[in-house]
Amino acid sequence: MRERGGGDERPRLIVYLTDGEDDNRLTGGDLERVVDRARTAGVPVAMVTLDSGACDRDRPGTRIAEAGRGRCLDAGDDLVPTLRDEVARIGTGEER
């Protein structure tokens, strides 16, 4: 996204798709660095995981998505329409 330059006004969204297997390894300082990066990136981050319950409170995906002003979506959600809605929300500039 950096290569597109700062003058590009098109909406941006990072979608991180995971199976959730690495959630238990992203802890401590490593997790804090990712959360901080999401907070300061200036681009919303949608965390999408195929693991049900991965968006529970204080889980890595939830913390990263909240810091990045995005949403955390997991297998408990209807992923395709929910992700489509998130992309549309970002594209129209809607706030949550």
N, C-alpha and C. Protein backbone atom coordinates (compact mmCIF):
# COMPACT_ATOMS: atom_id res chain seq x y z
N MET A 1 0.81 -1.19 0.00
CA MET A 1 0.00 0.00 0.00
C MET A 1 0.86 1.26 0.00
N ARG A 2 2.03 1.16 0.60
CA ARG A 2 2.91 2.33 0.60
C ARG A 2 3.28 2.75 -0.81
N GLU A 3 3.46 1.78 -1.71
CA GLU A 3 3.89 2.09 -3.06
C GLU A 3 2.84 2.89 -3.83
N ARG A 4 1.57 2.81 -3.43
CA ARG A 4 0.52 3.56 -4.11
C ARG A 4 0.65 5.05 -3.85
N GLY A 5 1.32 5.42 -2.79
CA GLY A 5 1.54 6.83 -2.50
C GLY A 5 0.43 7.43 -1.67
N GLY A 6 0.73 8.55 -1.05
CA GLY A 6 -0.20 9.23 -0.16
C GLY A 6 -1.29 9.99 -0.88
N GLY A 7 -1.12 10.29 -2.17
CA GLY A 7 -2.10 11.07 -2.91
C GLY A 7 -3.27 10.25 -3.41
N ASP A 8 -3.21 8.95 -3.26
CA ASP A 8 -4.29 8.07 -3.71
C ASP A 8 -5.40 8.09 -2.67
N GLU A 9 -6.55 8.60 -3.04
CA GLU A 9 -7.64 8.76 -2.08
C GLU A 9 -8.62 7.58 -2.06
N ARG A 10 -8.33 6.53 -2.82
CA ARG A 10 -9.23 5.37 -2.81
C ARG A 10 -9.26 4.74 -1.42
N PRO A 11 -10.41 4.19 -1.01
CA PRO A 11 -10.47 3.52 0.30
C PRO A 11 -9.52 2.34 0.35
N ARG A 12 -8.97 2.09 1.52
CA ARG A 12 -8.06 0.97 1.71
C ARG A 12 -8.53 0.12 2.87
N LEU A 13 -8.27 -1.16 2.77
CA LEU A 13 -8.62 -2.11 3.82
C LEU A 13 -7.64 -3.27 3.74
N ILE A 14 -7.08 -3.64 4.88
CA ILE A 14 -6.26 -4.85 4.96
C ILE A 14 -7.17 -5.95 5.49
N VAL A 15 -7.24 -7.06 4.77
CA VAL A 15 -8.00 -8.23 5.20
C VAL A 15 -6.99 -9.33 5.49
N TYR A 16 -6.95 -9.75 6.73
CA TYR A 16 -6.03 -10.80 7.16
C TYR A 16 -6.85 -12.06 7.36
N LEU A 17 -6.65 -13.04 6.49
CA LEU A 17 -7.39 -14.30 6.54
C LEU A 17 -6.50 -15.36 7.18
N THR A 18 -7.02 -16.04 8.20
CA THR A 18 -6.23 -17.04 8.92
C THR A 18 -7.11 -18.22 9.33
N ASP A 19 -6.47 -19.34 9.57
CA ASP A 19 -7.20 -20.50 10.10
C ASP A 19 -7.22 -20.49 11.62
N GLY A 20 -6.55 -19.53 12.23
CA GLY A 20 -6.57 -19.37 13.68
C GLY A 20 -5.56 -20.21 14.43
N GLU A 21 -4.80 -21.05 13.74
CA GLU A 21 -3.87 -21.95 14.43
C GLU A 21 -2.74 -21.22 15.13
N ASP A 22 -2.41 -20.03 14.70
CA ASP A 22 -1.28 -19.31 15.29
C ASP A 22 -1.67 -18.36 16.41
N ASP A 23 -2.95 -18.29 16.75
CA ASP A 23 -3.40 -17.37 17.79
C ASP A 23 -2.66 -17.57 19.11
N ASN A 24 -2.38 -18.80 19.46
CA ASN A 24 -1.73 -19.07 20.75
C ASN A 24 -0.25 -18.69 20.74
N ARG A 25 0.32 -18.51 19.57
CA ARG A 25 1.73 -18.12 19.47
C ARG A 25 1.92 -16.60 19.43
N LEU A 26 0.87 -15.88 19.09
CA LEU A 26 0.96 -14.43 19.02
C LEU A 26 0.60 -13.87 20.40
N THR A 27 1.61 -13.72 21.23
CA THR A 27 1.41 -13.30 22.62
C THR A 27 2.45 -12.27 23.01
N GLY A 28 2.27 -11.71 24.19
CA GLY A 28 3.26 -10.82 24.79
C GLY A 28 3.67 -9.67 23.89
N GLY A 29 4.98 -9.45 23.82
CA GLY A 29 5.52 -8.36 23.04
C GLY A 29 5.23 -8.48 21.56
N ASP A 30 5.19 -9.72 21.04
CA ASP A 30 4.89 -9.90 19.62
C ASP A 30 3.48 -9.39 19.30
N LEU A 31 2.52 -9.76 20.13
CA LEU A 31 1.15 -9.30 19.93
C LEU A 31 1.06 -7.79 20.08
N GLU A 32 1.73 -7.24 21.08
CA GLU A 32 1.69 -5.79 21.29
C GLU A 32 2.26 -5.03 20.09
N ARG A 33 3.31 -5.56 19.48
CA ARG A 33 3.88 -4.90 18.29
C ARG A 33 2.90 -4.92 17.12
N VAL A 34 2.20 -6.04 16.93
CA VAL A 34 1.22 -6.12 15.84
C VAL A 34 0.05 -5.19 16.12
N VAL A 35 -0.44 -5.16 17.35
CA VAL A 35 -1.55 -4.28 17.73
C VAL A 35 -1.15 -2.82 17.52
N ASP A 36 0.06 -2.46 17.95
CA ASP A 36 0.53 -1.09 17.77
C ASP A 36 0.66 -0.74 16.29
N ARG A 37 1.15 -1.66 15.51
CA ARG A 37 1.29 -1.41 14.06
C ARG A 37 -0.09 -1.21 13.42
N ALA A 38 -1.07 -2.02 13.81
CA ALA A 38 -2.43 -1.87 13.29
C ALA A 38 -3.01 -0.52 13.69
N ARG A 39 -2.72 -0.09 14.91
CA ARG A 39 -3.24 1.18 15.42
C ARG A 39 -2.67 2.37 14.65
N THR A 40 -1.41 2.29 14.24
CA THR A 40 -0.75 3.43 13.62
C THR A 40 -0.69 3.36 12.10
N ALA A 41 -1.17 2.28 11.49
CA ALA A 41 -1.05 2.09 10.04
C ALA A 41 -1.91 3.06 9.24
N GLY A 42 -3.00 3.53 9.81
CA GLY A 42 -3.87 4.42 9.07
C GLY A 42 -4.74 3.70 8.06
N VAL A 43 -4.79 2.38 8.15
CA VAL A 43 -5.60 1.56 7.25
C VAL A 43 -6.41 0.60 8.11
N PRO A 44 -7.73 0.53 7.92
CA PRO A 44 -8.52 -0.43 8.70
C PRO A 44 -8.05 -1.87 8.45
N VAL A 45 -8.13 -2.69 9.50
CA VAL A 45 -7.71 -4.08 9.42
C VAL A 45 -8.90 -4.97 9.78
N ALA A 46 -9.30 -5.82 8.84
CA ALA A 46 -10.34 -6.81 9.11
C ALA A 46 -9.63 -8.15 9.32
N MET A 47 -9.84 -8.73 10.48
CA MET A 47 -9.29 -10.04 10.78
C MET A 47 -10.38 -11.07 10.50
N VAL A 48 -10.11 -12.01 9.62
CA VAL A 48 -11.07 -13.03 9.24
C VAL A 48 -10.45 -14.38 9.54
N THR A 49 -11.09 -15.13 10.43
CA THR A 49 -10.55 -16.42 10.83
C THR A 49 -11.58 -17.52 10.66
N LEU A 50 -11.12 -18.67 10.27
CA LEU A 50 -11.99 -19.82 10.04
C LEU A 50 -12.25 -20.60 11.32
N ASP A 51 -11.77 -20.08 12.44
CA ASP A 51 -11.90 -20.71 13.75
C ASP A 51 -13.02 -20.04 14.53
N SER A 52 -14.05 -20.79 14.88
CA SER A 52 -15.15 -20.22 15.66
C SER A 52 -14.65 -19.82 17.04
N GLY A 53 -15.05 -18.65 17.50
CA GLY A 53 -14.64 -18.16 18.81
C GLY A 53 -13.35 -17.35 18.77
N ALA A 54 -12.73 -17.23 17.60
CA ALA A 54 -11.47 -16.50 17.49
C ALA A 54 -11.65 -15.00 17.68
N CYS A 55 -12.89 -14.53 17.65
CA CYS A 55 -13.15 -13.10 17.84
C CYS A 55 -13.71 -12.80 19.23
N ASP A 56 -13.56 -13.75 20.13
CA ASP A 56 -13.98 -13.50 21.50
C ASP A 56 -13.13 -12.38 22.10
N ARG A 57 -13.64 -11.79 23.15
CA ARG A 57 -12.95 -10.68 23.82
C ARG A 57 -11.52 -11.06 24.17
N ASP A 58 -10.60 -10.13 23.93
CA ASP A 58 -9.18 -10.25 24.26
C ASP A 58 -8.41 -11.29 23.43
N ARG A 59 -9.03 -11.85 22.40
CA ARG A 59 -8.30 -12.74 21.50
C ARG A 59 -7.45 -11.88 20.56
N PRO A 60 -6.35 -12.40 20.03
CA PRO A 60 -5.48 -11.60 19.17
C PRO A 60 -6.20 -10.94 18.00
N GLY A 61 -7.04 -11.69 17.29
CA GLY A 61 -7.74 -11.11 16.14
C GLY A 61 -8.63 -9.95 16.52
N THR A 62 -9.30 -10.06 17.65
CA THR A 62 -10.17 -8.98 18.12
C THR A 62 -9.35 -7.76 18.47
N ARG A 63 -8.26 -7.95 19.18
CA ARG A 63 -7.41 -6.82 19.57
C ARG A 63 -6.81 -6.11 18.36
N ILE A 64 -6.37 -6.88 17.37
CA ILE A 64 -5.77 -6.30 16.17
C ILE A 64 -6.82 -5.53 15.37
N ALA A 65 -8.00 -6.14 15.18
CA ALA A 65 -9.06 -5.49 14.41
C ALA A 65 -9.52 -4.20 15.10
N GLU A 66 -9.70 -4.24 16.41
CA GLU A 66 -10.13 -3.03 17.12
C GLU A 66 -9.08 -1.93 17.02
N ALA A 67 -7.82 -2.30 17.16
CA ALA A 67 -6.75 -1.30 17.06
C ALA A 67 -6.70 -0.71 15.66
N GLY A 68 -7.01 -1.53 14.65
CA GLY A 68 -6.96 -1.07 13.27
C GLY A 68 -8.28 -0.51 12.76
N ARG A 69 -9.23 -0.25 13.67
CA ARG A 69 -10.53 0.31 13.29
C ARG A 69 -11.29 -0.57 12.31
N GLY A 70 -11.07 -1.87 12.38
CA GLY A 70 -11.77 -2.81 11.52
C GLY A 70 -12.64 -3.74 12.35
N ARG A 71 -12.97 -4.87 11.78
CA ARG A 71 -13.79 -5.85 12.48
C ARG A 71 -13.08 -7.18 12.51
N CYS A 72 -13.43 -7.98 13.49
CA CYS A 72 -12.96 -9.35 13.57
C CYS A 72 -14.14 -10.24 13.20
N LEU A 73 -13.93 -11.10 12.23
CA LEU A 73 -14.98 -12.01 11.77
C LEU A 73 -14.47 -13.44 11.93
N ASP A 74 -15.32 -14.31 12.49
CA ASP A 74 -14.91 -15.70 12.62
C ASP A 74 -15.99 -16.63 12.09
N ALA A 75 -15.74 -17.92 12.21
CA ALA A 75 -16.65 -18.92 11.65
C ALA A 75 -18.05 -18.85 12.25
N GLY A 76 -18.21 -18.18 13.39
CA GLY A 76 -19.53 -17.99 13.97
C GLY A 76 -20.35 -16.97 13.20
N ASP A 77 -19.70 -16.18 12.35
CA ASP A 77 -20.37 -15.21 11.50
C ASP A 77 -20.64 -15.88 10.15
N ASP A 78 -21.54 -15.31 9.37
CA ASP A 78 -21.72 -15.75 7.99
C ASP A 78 -20.66 -14.99 7.20
N LEU A 79 -19.49 -15.59 7.04
CA LEU A 79 -18.29 -14.88 6.62
C LEU A 79 -18.39 -14.14 5.28
N VAL A 80 -18.95 -14.75 4.27
CA VAL A 80 -18.95 -14.10 2.95
C VAL A 80 -19.77 -12.82 2.96
N PRO A 81 -21.04 -12.85 3.37
CA PRO A 81 -21.78 -11.59 3.37
C PRO A 81 -21.27 -10.58 4.40
N THR A 82 -20.77 -11.07 5.52
CA THR A 82 -20.27 -10.16 6.54
C THR A 82 -19.00 -9.45 6.06
N LEU A 83 -18.11 -10.18 5.40
CA LEU A 83 -16.91 -9.55 4.85
C LEU A 83 -17.29 -8.58 3.72
N ARG A 84 -18.23 -8.97 2.89
CA ARG A 84 -18.71 -8.07 1.83
C ARG A 84 -19.23 -6.77 2.44
N ASP A 85 -19.99 -6.86 3.52
CA ASP A 85 -20.52 -5.67 4.19
C ASP A 85 -19.39 -4.82 4.77
N GLU A 86 -18.36 -5.45 5.30
CA GLU A 86 -17.23 -4.71 5.86
C GLU A 86 -16.48 -3.97 4.75
N VAL A 87 -16.28 -4.63 3.63
CA VAL A 87 -15.62 -3.97 2.49
C VAL A 87 -16.47 -2.80 2.02
N ALA A 88 -17.78 -2.97 1.93
CA ALA A 88 -18.66 -1.88 1.51
C ALA A 88 -18.63 -0.74 2.51
N ARG A 89 -18.59 -1.05 3.80
CA ARG A 89 -18.55 -0.02 4.84
C ARG A 89 -17.30 0.84 4.69
N ILE A 90 -16.18 0.19 4.47
CA ILE A 90 -14.92 0.92 4.29
C ILE A 90 -14.97 1.72 2.99
N GLY A 91 -15.48 1.11 1.94
CA GLY A 91 -15.54 1.77 0.64
C GLY A 91 -16.40 3.02 0.62
N THR A 92 -17.43 3.03 1.46
CA THR A 92 -18.31 4.21 1.52
C THR A 92 -17.89 5.21 2.58
N GLY A 93 -16.88 4.83 3.37
CA GLY A 93 -16.39 5.75 4.41
C GLY A 93 -17.24 5.75 5.66
N GLU A 94 -18.10 4.75 5.83
CA GLU A 94 -18.93 4.68 7.03
C GLU A 94 -18.07 4.31 8.23
N GLU A 95 -18.40 4.90 9.34
CA GLU A 95 -17.77 4.52 10.62
C GLU A 95 -18.68 3.48 11.26
N ARG A 96 -18.09 2.67 12.14
CA ARG A 96 -18.91 1.65 12.81
C ARG A 96 -19.89 2.29 13.75
